[in-house]
Amino acid sequence: MAIRTYGLSGSGMDVDQMVKDMMKARRIQYDKMYQEKTRLEYKKKDFNTIYTTLKEFREKNVFDFRMASQLRPMKATASDSSVATVTANADAVPINHTVEVTSLATAAMSKSAATITTSADKSTLASQFGLDSSASFDVTLNDGVNTKTITVDPTKSIHELAASINNAGLNIRANYDTTLDRFYLYNLQTGSANKLQVTDASVDVGGAAKQFFGDVLKLGAVDTAGTDAMIKIDGVEATAQASNKFTVSGLTFDLKKTGTTTIDVGADVDKAVENVKAFIESYNSTVKKITDELGEKYYRDFNPLTTDQKKDMKDDEIKAWEEKAKSGMLRNDAMLRGLVGDLRINFAEPVSGLNGNYKSATDLGITTASYVDEDGKFVDISSLGGMLSVDEKKLRTALNSDPDALYKIFATTGATNKESGVSRRLYDTLKAGLDKIVVTAGRSADLTGDTDSTLAKRLDDMNKRMSNEERRLKDLEARYYRQFDAMEVALQRMSSQSNWLAQQFSS
């Protein structure tokens, strides 16, 4: 804005400064609205952080902790690991097996029967084998699924030939061993369905017609296939397998050689305990983020800074101030406190309808920490109060007594919440909590895609009010300047009249 000069009247007033001072008082209301809007933005962002944390915990940890692989892990031990190593999944039956490996899966392969180079010069196929350098030829390769034809250029080296085969898009690979002077072809995949077939080409070698792969590279007729792995489980022959690593009856075998081994299959208590501890750690981390927000101090005297206020402050001062201004936006929020309480109840209540000695997470040694310490004093919600702890000894005892207890207590599907397992309760409780957050603050920290949440509506209303107030302030500022302009004109007229009168009296 240009500085206004009021010199003709002789008033000497600094109108710009006067208007600025007058507007400063008028902007107080606007600044209050700005601060309120900023606090709403802080709150929306904090809710979004909680939303993201809960969503990730629900979709990753809680979802997985309903699976048998997490809650009922099995282990398998082979008596002779040189024959085969075995791992068990949750579907494995906890009994012993006798396994006989009758054959291993192999890949189709062909190699030179003897050394192949006929000249000291290996720079090209023509010089290495005495081929006609001007006569390129085609060969066709098949891997059992796909067929490709490649063109062999005698002016290229044998290594370039291998590269062209390797880049043909087949499961066939070629290699030339310089030390042994032999050429190798092999299929990357094992099993009888994976083949190695070459439709050869006739070439001229010193005036004699020879097959390039069969005679020159000494591979013979290349038409072979891999073999399947075969095993007998408890005397019963299993289905042939294309790979030496496969799964049968919940057991994943990795065959090493032919022979016999026994397999001991049972519950993996160590893995189950490890999974529980990892899940509880994730749960506590999630709940702590909520309780930290609930217990965060609110600084009533630290309002969000306006642009004018920041002009008079250093960067570190602004940072320290804003940290306090952002603090405590969700302190003691009723919705989040209710969610924490619901999460605790999910663990505390037994699963209705279960038989046996183990019906709740508490029976397994998974308990919530008390909100009262040893001296009977209240433990603040922002501390470990309300977090979960695991009595590992009690958990191991329960799992050794009933390997299915963990699965039943956490993964049981019920018609009601009380009949459902803990993980299923958590999954539903978190969904309800996420939905409430969406209603209150939406899914994102800003207003993009959010027009329906409570905070979005308040922010939209605040933006409209601020826009109206800003227009009002601009109109008011313009009115002040018009009034000063009018005053200046009046002063100029008075000054002119005074000068005229003075001239009249003087004459």
Protein backbone atom coordinates (compact mmCIF):
# COMPACT_ATOMS: atom_id res chain seq x y z
CA MET A 1 0.00 0.00 0.00
CA ALA A 2 1.36 3.42 -0.94
CA ILE A 3 2.00 5.84 1.93
CA ARG A 4 -0.53 8.64 1.91
CA THR A 5 0.82 12.16 2.17
CA TYR A 6 -1.25 14.91 3.80
CA GLY A 7 1.07 17.86 3.45
CA LEU A 8 -1.02 20.39 1.53
CA SER A 9 -3.26 21.09 4.49
CA GLY A 10 -0.32 21.35 6.82
CA SER A 11 -1.82 18.77 9.20
CA GLY A 12 1.34 16.66 9.26
CA MET A 13 -0.64 13.54 10.22
CA ASP A 14 0.76 10.02 9.57
CA VAL A 15 -2.55 8.64 8.34
CA ASP A 16 -1.20 5.18 7.51
CA GLN A 17 0.01 4.64 11.06
CA MET A 18 -3.21 6.04 12.47
CA VAL A 19 -5.32 3.70 10.35
CA LYS A 20 -3.07 0.79 11.25
CA ASP A 21 -3.48 1.52 14.96
CA MET A 22 -7.23 1.84 14.59
CA MET A 23 -7.45 -1.44 12.67
CA LYS A 24 -5.33 -3.29 15.22
CA ALA A 25 -8.12 -3.12 17.75
CA ARG A 26 -10.67 -4.08 15.13
CA ARG A 27 -8.64 -7.20 14.13
CA ILE A 28 -8.79 -8.74 17.60
CA GLN A 29 -12.00 -10.59 16.74
CA TYR A 30 -10.50 -11.88 13.50
CA ASP A 31 -7.37 -13.09 15.32
CA LYS A 32 -9.55 -14.96 17.82
CA MET A 33 -11.34 -16.71 14.97
CA TYR A 34 -7.98 -17.56 13.38
CA GLN A 35 -6.75 -19.08 16.63
CA GLU A 36 -9.94 -21.07 17.08
CA LYS A 37 -9.68 -22.36 13.52
CA THR A 38 -6.04 -23.33 14.05
CA ARG A 39 -6.92 -25.25 17.20
CA LEU A 40 -9.59 -27.13 15.25
CA GLU A 41 -6.97 -28.00 12.63
CA TYR A 42 -4.61 -29.24 15.35
CA LYS A 43 -7.40 -31.38 16.77
CA LYS A 44 -8.33 -32.81 13.38
CA LYS A 45 -4.72 -33.70 12.73
CA ASP A 46 -4.37 -35.43 16.12
CA PHE A 47 -7.52 -37.44 15.47
CA ASN A 48 -6.15 -38.43 12.08
CA THR A 49 -2.94 -39.65 13.70
CA ILE A 50 -4.97 -41.83 16.07
CA TYR A 51 -7.13 -43.01 13.17
CA THR A 52 -4.08 -44.08 11.16
CA THR A 53 -2.58 -45.89 14.17
CA LEU A 54 -5.80 -47.78 14.94
CA LYS A 55 -6.43 -48.67 11.30
CA GLU A 56 -2.93 -50.07 10.87
CA PHE A 57 -3.17 -52.07 14.11
CA ARG A 58 -6.58 -53.47 13.13
CA GLU A 59 -5.73 -54.38 9.54
CA LYS A 60 -2.30 -55.79 10.25
CA ASN A 61 -1.95 -57.10 13.78
CA VAL A 62 -5.52 -57.88 14.83
CA PHE A 63 -6.47 -59.35 11.45
CA ASP A 64 -3.46 -61.70 11.50
CA PHE A 65 -4.05 -62.67 15.12
CA ARG A 66 -7.23 -64.46 14.12
CA MET A 67 -5.30 -66.92 11.97
CA ALA A 68 -4.44 -70.47 13.00
CA SER A 69 -0.86 -69.92 11.83
CA GLN A 70 -0.48 -67.29 14.57
CA LEU A 71 -2.57 -68.88 17.30
CA ARG A 72 -1.96 -72.57 16.74
CA PRO A 73 1.54 -72.86 15.24
CA MET A 74 2.89 -76.35 14.68
CA LYS A 75 6.42 -77.66 14.38
CA ALA A 76 7.88 -80.70 12.69
CA THR A 77 11.24 -82.33 13.37
CA ALA A 78 12.92 -84.83 11.04
CA SER A 79 15.06 -87.55 12.61
CA ASP A 80 17.40 -87.41 9.60
CA SER A 81 17.62 -83.89 8.19
CA SER A 82 20.06 -85.08 5.51
CA VAL A 83 17.11 -86.83 3.84
CA ALA A 84 14.61 -84.00 4.27
CA THR A 85 13.82 -80.99 6.40
CA VAL A 86 10.18 -80.43 7.30
CA THR A 87 8.12 -77.50 8.59
CA ALA A 88 4.51 -77.70 9.72
CA ASN A 89 1.65 -75.27 9.22
CA ALA A 90 -1.50 -74.94 11.31
CA ASP A 91 -3.24 -77.73 9.35
CA ALA A 92 -0.67 -80.36 10.29
CA VAL A 93 -1.93 -83.22 12.43
CA PRO A 94 0.11 -83.65 15.65
CA ILE A 95 1.24 -87.24 15.04
CA ASN A 96 4.46 -88.94 13.95
CA HIS A 97 5.08 -90.01 10.35
CA THR A 98 7.54 -92.23 8.53
CA VAL A 99 8.65 -90.66 5.27
CA GLU A 100 10.53 -92.47 2.50
CA VAL A 101 12.06 -90.34 -0.27
CA THR A 102 12.11 -92.60 -3.32
CA SER A 103 13.25 -90.01 -5.89
CA LEU A 104 14.23 -86.37 -6.10
CA ALA A 105 12.96 -83.83 -8.58
CA THR A 106 15.56 -83.00 -11.18
CA ALA A 107 15.89 -80.51 -14.02
CA ALA A 108 16.45 -81.43 -17.64
CA MET A 109 20.10 -80.92 -18.60
CA SER A 110 22.45 -81.63 -21.48
CA LYS A 111 26.23 -81.17 -21.64
CA SER A 112 29.03 -81.73 -24.11
CA ALA A 113 30.26 -85.29 -24.12
CA ALA A 114 33.86 -84.14 -24.67
CA THR A 115 35.91 -81.04 -25.36
CA ILE A 116 34.52 -79.11 -28.30
CA THR A 117 37.02 -76.49 -29.54
CA THR A 118 38.90 -77.36 -32.74
CA SER A 119 41.01 -74.20 -33.02
CA ALA A 120 43.08 -72.00 -30.76
CA ASP A 121 41.07 -68.97 -31.86
CA LYS A 122 37.85 -68.70 -29.83
CA SER A 123 36.95 -65.17 -30.85
CA THR A 124 34.05 -66.35 -33.04
CA LEU A 125 32.06 -69.52 -33.59
CA ALA A 126 33.47 -69.66 -37.11
CA SER A 127 37.09 -69.59 -35.93
CA GLN A 128 36.50 -71.86 -32.90
CA PHE A 129 34.74 -74.62 -34.86
CA GLY A 130 35.67 -74.00 -38.51
CA LEU A 131 32.19 -72.80 -39.54
CA ASP A 132 31.34 -70.75 -42.62
CA SER A 133 31.33 -67.17 -41.23
CA SER A 134 28.88 -65.98 -43.87
CA ALA A 135 26.13 -68.52 -43.16
CA SER A 136 23.86 -67.77 -40.21
CA PHE A 137 21.36 -70.46 -39.19
CA ASP A 138 18.32 -70.94 -36.93
CA VAL A 139 17.77 -73.33 -34.04
CA THR A 140 14.54 -73.81 -32.07
CA LEU A 141 14.38 -74.42 -28.34
CA ASN A 142 11.44 -75.64 -26.23
CA ASP A 143 11.24 -75.63 -22.41
CA GLY A 144 8.06 -77.68 -22.16
CA VAL A 145 5.83 -74.61 -22.11
CA ASN A 146 7.17 -72.16 -24.68
CA THR A 147 9.11 -72.42 -27.91
CA LYS A 148 11.53 -69.85 -29.33
CA THR A 149 13.72 -69.74 -32.45
CA ILE A 150 17.07 -67.99 -32.28
CA THR A 151 19.45 -67.07 -35.07
CA VAL A 152 23.04 -68.17 -34.63
CA ASP A 153 25.60 -65.80 -36.16
CA PRO A 154 28.99 -67.53 -36.76
CA THR A 155 30.77 -64.17 -36.44
CA LYS A 156 29.71 -64.00 -32.77
CA SER A 157 31.48 -65.75 -29.92
CA ILE A 158 30.24 -68.83 -28.06
CA HIS A 159 29.59 -66.63 -25.01
CA GLU A 160 27.32 -64.43 -27.13
CA LEU A 161 25.51 -67.58 -28.27
CA ALA A 162 24.90 -68.51 -24.62
CA ALA A 163 23.64 -64.98 -23.91
CA SER A 164 21.17 -65.11 -26.82
CA ILE A 165 19.75 -68.37 -25.45
CA ASN A 166 19.54 -66.95 -21.93
CA ASN A 167 17.72 -63.87 -23.21
CA ALA A 168 15.22 -65.78 -25.34
CA GLY A 169 12.51 -65.64 -22.66
CA LEU A 170 12.55 -69.36 -21.91
CA ASN A 171 13.34 -71.26 -18.73
CA ILE A 172 16.39 -72.63 -20.56
CA ARG A 173 19.86 -71.46 -19.68
CA ALA A 174 23.17 -71.98 -21.50
CA ASN A 175 26.75 -71.76 -20.30
CA TYR A 176 30.17 -72.38 -21.76
CA ASP A 177 32.87 -73.52 -19.36
CA THR A 178 36.17 -72.21 -20.69
CA THR A 179 38.29 -74.42 -18.42
CA LEU A 180 36.51 -77.68 -19.25
CA ASP A 181 35.78 -76.59 -22.84
CA ARG A 182 32.22 -77.86 -22.64
CA PHE A 183 28.80 -76.37 -23.41
CA TYR A 184 25.86 -76.80 -21.01
CA LEU A 185 22.09 -76.46 -21.50
CA TYR A 186 19.62 -76.84 -18.64
CA ASN A 187 16.05 -76.00 -17.64
CA LEU A 188 15.66 -73.73 -14.61
CA GLN A 189 12.65 -75.70 -13.38
CA THR A 190 12.58 -79.24 -12.05
CA GLY A 191 9.86 -81.79 -12.78
CA SER A 192 8.78 -83.98 -15.68
CA ALA A 193 6.70 -81.22 -17.28
CA ASN A 194 9.76 -79.04 -17.77
CA LYS A 195 11.70 -80.09 -20.84
CA LEU A 196 14.83 -79.35 -22.79
CA GLN A 197 14.31 -79.79 -26.52
CA VAL A 198 16.40 -78.44 -29.39
CA THR A 199 15.47 -78.56 -33.07
CA ASP A 200 18.99 -78.60 -34.46
CA ALA A 201 20.46 -77.03 -37.61
CA SER A 202 22.87 -78.51 -40.15
CA VAL A 203 26.12 -76.58 -40.65
CA ASP A 204 29.12 -76.93 -42.96
CA VAL A 205 32.34 -77.83 -41.15
CA GLY A 206 35.27 -78.23 -43.49
CA GLY A 207 33.00 -79.39 -46.29
CA ALA A 208 31.12 -81.88 -44.11
CA ALA A 209 27.52 -81.42 -42.95
CA LYS A 210 27.13 -81.65 -39.20
CA GLN A 211 24.44 -80.90 -36.61
CA PHE A 212 25.48 -77.79 -34.69
CA PHE A 213 24.26 -78.71 -31.19
CA GLY A 214 24.49 -82.48 -31.65
CA ASP A 215 27.89 -82.78 -33.38
CA VAL A 216 29.76 -79.45 -33.08
CA LEU A 217 28.84 -78.78 -29.43
CA LYS A 218 28.71 -82.58 -28.82
CA LEU A 219 25.37 -82.45 -26.99
CA GLY A 220 23.82 -85.24 -29.07
CA ALA A 221 20.07 -85.23 -29.66
CA VAL A 222 18.75 -82.74 -27.10
CA ASP A 223 15.32 -84.02 -26.09
CA THR A 224 14.98 -84.64 -22.38
CA ALA A 225 12.79 -83.75 -19.42
CA GLY A 226 13.21 -83.37 -15.69
CA THR A 227 11.95 -85.87 -13.14
CA ASP A 228 9.42 -85.54 -10.32
CA ALA A 229 10.02 -86.04 -6.63
CA MET A 230 8.31 -89.03 -5.08
CA ILE A 231 7.78 -89.83 -1.40
CA LYS A 232 5.84 -92.32 0.67
CA ILE A 233 4.19 -91.12 3.88
CA ASP A 234 3.48 -93.96 6.31
CA GLY A 235 3.80 -96.39 3.38
CA VAL A 236 1.36 -94.50 1.14
CA GLU A 237 2.76 -93.01 -2.03
CA ALA A 238 2.04 -89.30 -2.28
CA THR A 239 1.33 -87.40 -5.49
CA ALA A 240 4.38 -86.75 -7.66
CA GLN A 241 5.86 -83.28 -7.13
CA ALA A 242 7.68 -81.14 -9.70
CA SER A 243 9.85 -79.54 -7.00
CA ASN A 244 11.86 -80.89 -4.09
CA LYS A 245 10.05 -78.37 -1.89
CA PHE A 246 6.31 -78.93 -1.57
CA THR A 247 3.49 -79.20 0.96
CA VAL A 248 1.50 -82.34 1.73
CA SER A 249 -0.99 -82.76 4.60
CA GLY A 250 0.07 -79.50 6.26
CA LEU A 251 3.80 -80.42 6.11
CA THR A 252 6.25 -78.58 3.87
CA PHE A 253 9.05 -80.89 2.75
CA ASP A 254 12.46 -79.84 1.45
CA LEU A 255 13.97 -83.04 0.05
CA LYS A 256 17.75 -83.50 0.13
CA LYS A 257 18.35 -87.11 -0.92
CA THR A 258 16.66 -90.48 -1.18
CA GLY A 259 16.24 -92.33 2.10
CA THR A 260 13.93 -92.69 5.09
CA THR A 261 13.27 -90.39 8.04
CA THR A 262 10.66 -90.05 10.76
CA ILE A 263 8.79 -86.80 11.31
CA ASP A 264 7.64 -85.70 14.77
CA VAL A 265 4.75 -83.20 14.49
CA GLY A 266 3.43 -81.24 17.48
CA ALA A 267 2.37 -77.87 18.80
CA ASP A 268 5.05 -75.17 18.70
CA VAL A 269 4.56 -73.62 22.13
CA ASP A 270 7.66 -71.44 21.81
CA LYS A 271 6.34 -69.89 18.59
CA ALA A 272 2.88 -69.39 20.07
CA VAL A 273 4.34 -67.58 23.09
CA GLU A 274 6.49 -65.46 20.79
CA ASN A 275 3.43 -64.54 18.71
CA VAL A 276 1.40 -63.60 21.80
CA LYS A 277 4.16 -61.40 23.18
CA ALA A 278 4.59 -59.64 19.82
CA PHE A 279 0.84 -59.04 19.56
CA ILE A 280 0.58 -57.69 23.11
CA GLU A 281 3.53 -55.40 22.42
CA SER A 282 1.71 -54.00 19.36
CA TYR A 283 -1.49 -53.64 21.37
CA ASN A 284 0.28 -51.77 24.18
CA SER A 285 2.05 -49.51 21.71
CA THR A 286 -1.29 -48.64 20.10
CA VAL A 287 -3.09 -48.03 23.39
CA LYS A 288 -0.20 -45.94 24.69
CA LYS A 289 -0.50 -43.57 21.73
CA ILE A 290 -4.12 -43.01 22.69
CA THR A 291 -3.47 -42.62 26.41
CA ASP A 292 -0.58 -40.25 25.71
CA GLU A 293 -3.02 -38.02 23.84
CA LEU A 294 -5.60 -38.34 26.60
CA GLY A 295 -3.10 -37.32 29.24
CA GLU A 296 -1.24 -34.64 27.27
CA LYS A 297 -1.18 -31.31 29.08
CA TYR A 298 -3.30 -28.47 27.72
CA TYR A 299 -1.71 -25.01 27.92
CA ARG A 300 -4.58 -22.57 28.14
CA ASP A 301 -2.37 -19.49 27.88
CA PHE A 302 -0.63 -20.60 24.69
CA ASN A 303 -2.91 -19.72 21.79
CA PRO A 304 -1.83 -20.36 18.19
CA LEU A 305 0.37 -17.55 16.93
CA THR A 306 -0.84 -15.14 14.30
CA THR A 307 1.36 -14.00 11.42
CA ASP A 308 1.93 -10.59 13.08
CA GLN A 309 2.91 -12.23 16.37
CA LYS A 310 5.49 -14.43 14.65
CA LYS A 311 7.19 -11.37 13.15
CA ASP A 312 8.46 -10.33 16.56
CA MET A 313 9.72 -13.80 17.57
CA LYS A 314 12.74 -15.94 16.81
CA ASP A 315 12.37 -19.35 15.12
CA ASP A 316 13.19 -21.33 18.28
CA GLU A 317 10.71 -19.22 20.25
CA ILE A 318 8.02 -19.90 17.68
CA LYS A 319 8.75 -23.63 17.78
CA ALA A 320 8.60 -23.79 21.58
CA TRP A 321 5.38 -21.78 21.67
CA GLU A 322 3.65 -23.87 19.00
CA GLU A 323 4.57 -27.11 20.75
CA LYS A 324 2.56 -25.92 23.73
CA ALA A 325 -0.21 -24.51 21.54
CA LYS A 326 -0.66 -27.93 19.89
CA SER A 327 -0.54 -29.85 23.15
CA GLY A 328 -3.61 -31.36 24.80
CA MET A 329 -6.05 -31.12 21.90
CA LEU A 330 -7.47 -34.57 22.75
CA ARG A 331 -6.96 -34.40 26.50
CA ASN A 332 -9.61 -36.49 28.30
CA ASP A 333 -11.57 -36.93 25.06
CA ALA A 334 -14.67 -38.94 26.02
CA MET A 335 -14.77 -40.92 22.76
CA LEU A 336 -11.16 -42.10 23.03
CA ARG A 337 -11.50 -42.87 26.73
CA GLY A 338 -14.52 -45.00 25.90
CA LEU A 339 -12.56 -46.82 23.19
CA VAL A 340 -9.70 -47.64 25.59
CA GLY A 341 -12.23 -48.97 28.07
CA ASP A 342 -13.90 -51.15 25.41
CA LEU A 343 -10.54 -52.58 24.37
CA ARG A 344 -9.81 -53.57 27.98
CA ILE A 345 -13.19 -55.29 28.31
CA ASN A 346 -12.48 -57.38 25.22
CA PHE A 347 -9.64 -59.04 27.09
CA ALA A 348 -11.30 -59.22 30.48
CA GLU A 349 -14.55 -60.97 29.54
CA PRO A 350 -14.50 -64.77 29.00
CA VAL A 351 -15.59 -66.25 25.67
CA SER A 352 -19.06 -67.61 26.24
CA GLY A 353 -19.68 -71.22 25.22
CA LEU A 354 -16.13 -72.54 25.59
CA ASN A 355 -15.52 -75.74 27.52
CA GLY A 356 -12.49 -76.68 29.56
CA ASN A 357 -10.28 -74.74 31.94
CA TYR A 358 -9.40 -71.93 29.56
CA LYS A 359 -12.16 -69.49 28.59
CA SER A 360 -10.57 -66.02 28.72
CA ALA A 361 -7.34 -64.21 27.98
CA THR A 362 -6.87 -63.91 31.74
CA ASP A 363 -6.85 -67.71 32.04
CA LEU A 364 -3.88 -67.72 29.65
CA GLY A 365 -1.95 -65.22 31.75
CA ILE A 366 -2.82 -62.17 29.63
CA THR A 367 -4.04 -59.50 32.01
CA THR A 368 -4.49 -55.74 32.11
CA ALA A 369 -2.29 -53.66 34.37
CA SER A 370 -4.06 -52.04 37.27
CA TYR A 371 -4.90 -48.34 37.46
CA VAL A 372 -3.92 -48.57 41.16
CA ASP A 373 -0.33 -49.10 42.28
CA GLU A 374 0.93 -51.17 45.22
CA ASP A 375 0.28 -48.30 47.61
CA GLY A 376 -3.31 -47.94 46.44
CA LYS A 377 -2.60 -44.73 44.55
CA PHE A 378 -4.26 -43.97 41.23
CA VAL A 379 -2.02 -44.60 38.20
CA ASP A 380 -2.45 -41.87 35.60
CA ILE A 381 -3.94 -43.08 32.33
CA SER A 382 -0.92 -41.82 30.40
CA SER A 383 1.34 -44.30 32.24
CA LEU A 384 1.27 -48.09 31.97
CA GLY A 385 -2.09 -48.27 33.70
CA GLY A 386 -4.49 -50.25 31.51
CA MET A 387 -1.76 -51.84 29.38
CA LEU A 388 -1.54 -55.61 28.97
CA SER A 389 1.03 -57.91 30.49
CA VAL A 390 1.81 -61.58 29.79
CA ASP A 391 2.58 -64.17 32.45
CA GLU A 392 4.76 -66.35 30.23
CA LYS A 393 4.90 -69.24 32.71
CA LYS A 394 1.11 -69.35 32.97
CA LEU A 395 0.75 -69.07 29.19
CA ARG A 396 3.14 -71.97 28.56
CA THR A 397 1.35 -74.13 31.11
CA ALA A 398 -1.97 -73.47 29.40
CA LEU A 399 -0.65 -74.19 25.91
CA ASN A 400 1.08 -77.40 26.99
CA SER A 401 -2.19 -78.51 28.61
CA ASP A 402 -4.43 -77.42 25.70
CA PRO A 403 -2.64 -76.43 22.46
CA ASP A 404 -5.97 -75.19 21.00
CA ALA A 405 -6.73 -72.86 23.94
CA LEU A 406 -5.13 -69.79 22.35
CA TYR A 407 -6.97 -70.29 19.08
CA LYS A 408 -10.33 -70.85 20.75
CA ILE A 409 -10.04 -67.82 23.04
CA PHE A 410 -8.87 -65.44 20.33
CA ALA A 411 -10.36 -66.73 17.06
CA THR A 412 -13.71 -68.32 17.90
CA THR A 413 -16.49 -67.03 15.67
CA GLY A 414 -19.64 -66.29 17.64
CA ALA A 415 -23.10 -64.93 16.95
CA THR A 416 -22.63 -62.31 19.67
CA ASN A 417 -19.73 -60.31 21.03
CA LYS A 418 -19.56 -62.46 24.17
CA GLU A 419 -19.41 -65.64 22.08
CA SER A 420 -16.64 -64.27 19.84
CA GLY A 421 -12.93 -64.63 20.41
CA VAL A 422 -10.82 -61.75 21.69
CA SER A 423 -9.28 -60.92 18.31
CA ARG A 424 -12.69 -60.86 16.63
CA ARG A 425 -14.00 -58.59 19.40
CA LEU A 426 -11.02 -56.29 18.96
CA TYR A 427 -11.54 -56.23 15.21
CA ASP A 428 -15.16 -55.13 15.64
CA THR A 429 -14.43 -52.71 18.50
CA LEU A 430 -11.70 -50.99 16.50
CA LYS A 431 -14.04 -50.73 13.50
CA ALA A 432 -16.64 -49.01 15.69
CA GLY A 433 -13.96 -46.68 17.08
CA LEU A 434 -12.67 -45.82 13.62
CA ASP A 435 -16.20 -45.06 12.44
CA LYS A 436 -16.70 -42.67 15.36
CA ILE A 437 -13.46 -40.88 14.56
CA VAL A 438 -14.56 -40.52 10.92
CA VAL A 439 -17.83 -38.95 12.07
CA THR A 440 -15.93 -36.54 14.32
CA ALA A 441 -12.81 -35.76 12.29
CA GLY A 442 -12.90 -37.60 8.97
CA ARG A 443 -10.16 -39.82 7.59
CA SER A 444 -7.63 -37.13 6.71
CA ALA A 445 -5.96 -34.27 8.53
CA ASP A 446 -7.17 -31.66 6.02
CA LEU A 447 -10.53 -30.99 4.38
CA THR A 448 -9.71 -32.88 1.19
CA GLY A 449 -12.54 -35.31 0.64
CA ASP A 450 -14.07 -34.51 4.02
CA THR A 451 -17.19 -32.39 4.10
CA ASP A 452 -19.32 -34.37 6.52
CA SER A 453 -17.32 -34.74 9.74
CA THR A 454 -18.11 -32.54 12.71
CA LEU A 455 -14.73 -30.82 12.64
CA ALA A 456 -14.86 -30.37 8.85
CA LYS A 457 -18.18 -28.58 9.16
CA ARG A 458 -16.89 -26.39 11.95
CA LEU A 459 -13.78 -25.53 9.95
CA ASP A 460 -15.86 -24.74 6.88
CA ASP A 461 -18.10 -22.48 8.96
CA MET A 462 -15.05 -20.84 10.52
CA ASN A 463 -13.54 -20.21 7.06
CA LYS A 464 -16.74 -18.52 5.94
CA ARG A 465 -16.90 -16.38 9.08
CA MET A 466 -13.26 -15.37 8.68
CA SER A 467 -13.82 -14.54 5.02
CA ASN A 468 -16.77 -12.34 5.91
CA GLU A 469 -14.82 -10.71 8.72
CA GLU A 470 -11.88 -10.06 6.41
CA ARG A 471 -14.16 -8.34 3.90
CA ARG A 472 -15.69 -6.27 6.71
CA LEU A 473 -12.22 -5.22 7.89
CA LYS A 474 -11.19 -4.19 4.37
CA ASP A 475 -14.37 -2.15 4.02
CA LEU A 476 -13.73 -0.55 7.41
CA GLU A 477 -10.14 0.30 6.49
CA ALA A 478 -11.30 1.85 3.23
CA ARG A 479 -13.90 3.90 5.15
CA TYR A 480 -11.24 5.18 7.54
CA TYR A 481 -9.13 6.33 4.60
CA ARG A 482 -12.12 7.99 2.95
CA GLN A 483 -12.83 9.85 6.18
CA PHE A 484 -9.24 11.03 6.41
CA ASP A 485 -9.38 12.03 2.74
CA ALA A 486 -12.50 14.07 3.42
CA MET A 487 -10.87 15.65 6.44
CA GLU A 488 -7.83 16.57 4.37
CA VAL A 489 -10.02 18.23 1.75
CA ALA A 490 -11.83 20.16 4.50
CA LEU A 491 -8.53 21.24 6.04
CA GLN A 492 -7.27 22.39 2.67
CA ARG A 493 -10.42 24.50 2.16
CA MET A 494 -10.09 25.99 5.63
CA SER A 495 -6.46 26.75 4.95
CA SER A 496 -7.33 28.45 1.64
CA GLN A 497 -10.08 30.50 3.25
CA SER A 498 -7.78 31.51 6.09
CA ASN A 499 -5.12 32.63 3.64
CA TRP A 500 -7.68 34.64 1.63
CA LEU A 501 -8.96 36.37 4.75
CA ALA A 502 -5.46 37.15 5.83
CA GLN A 503 -4.75 38.72 2.45
CA GLN A 504 -7.94 40.83 2.64
CA PHE A 505 -7.10 42.22 6.07
CA SER A 506 -3.53 42.92 5.07
CA SER A 507 -4.64 44.99 2.07
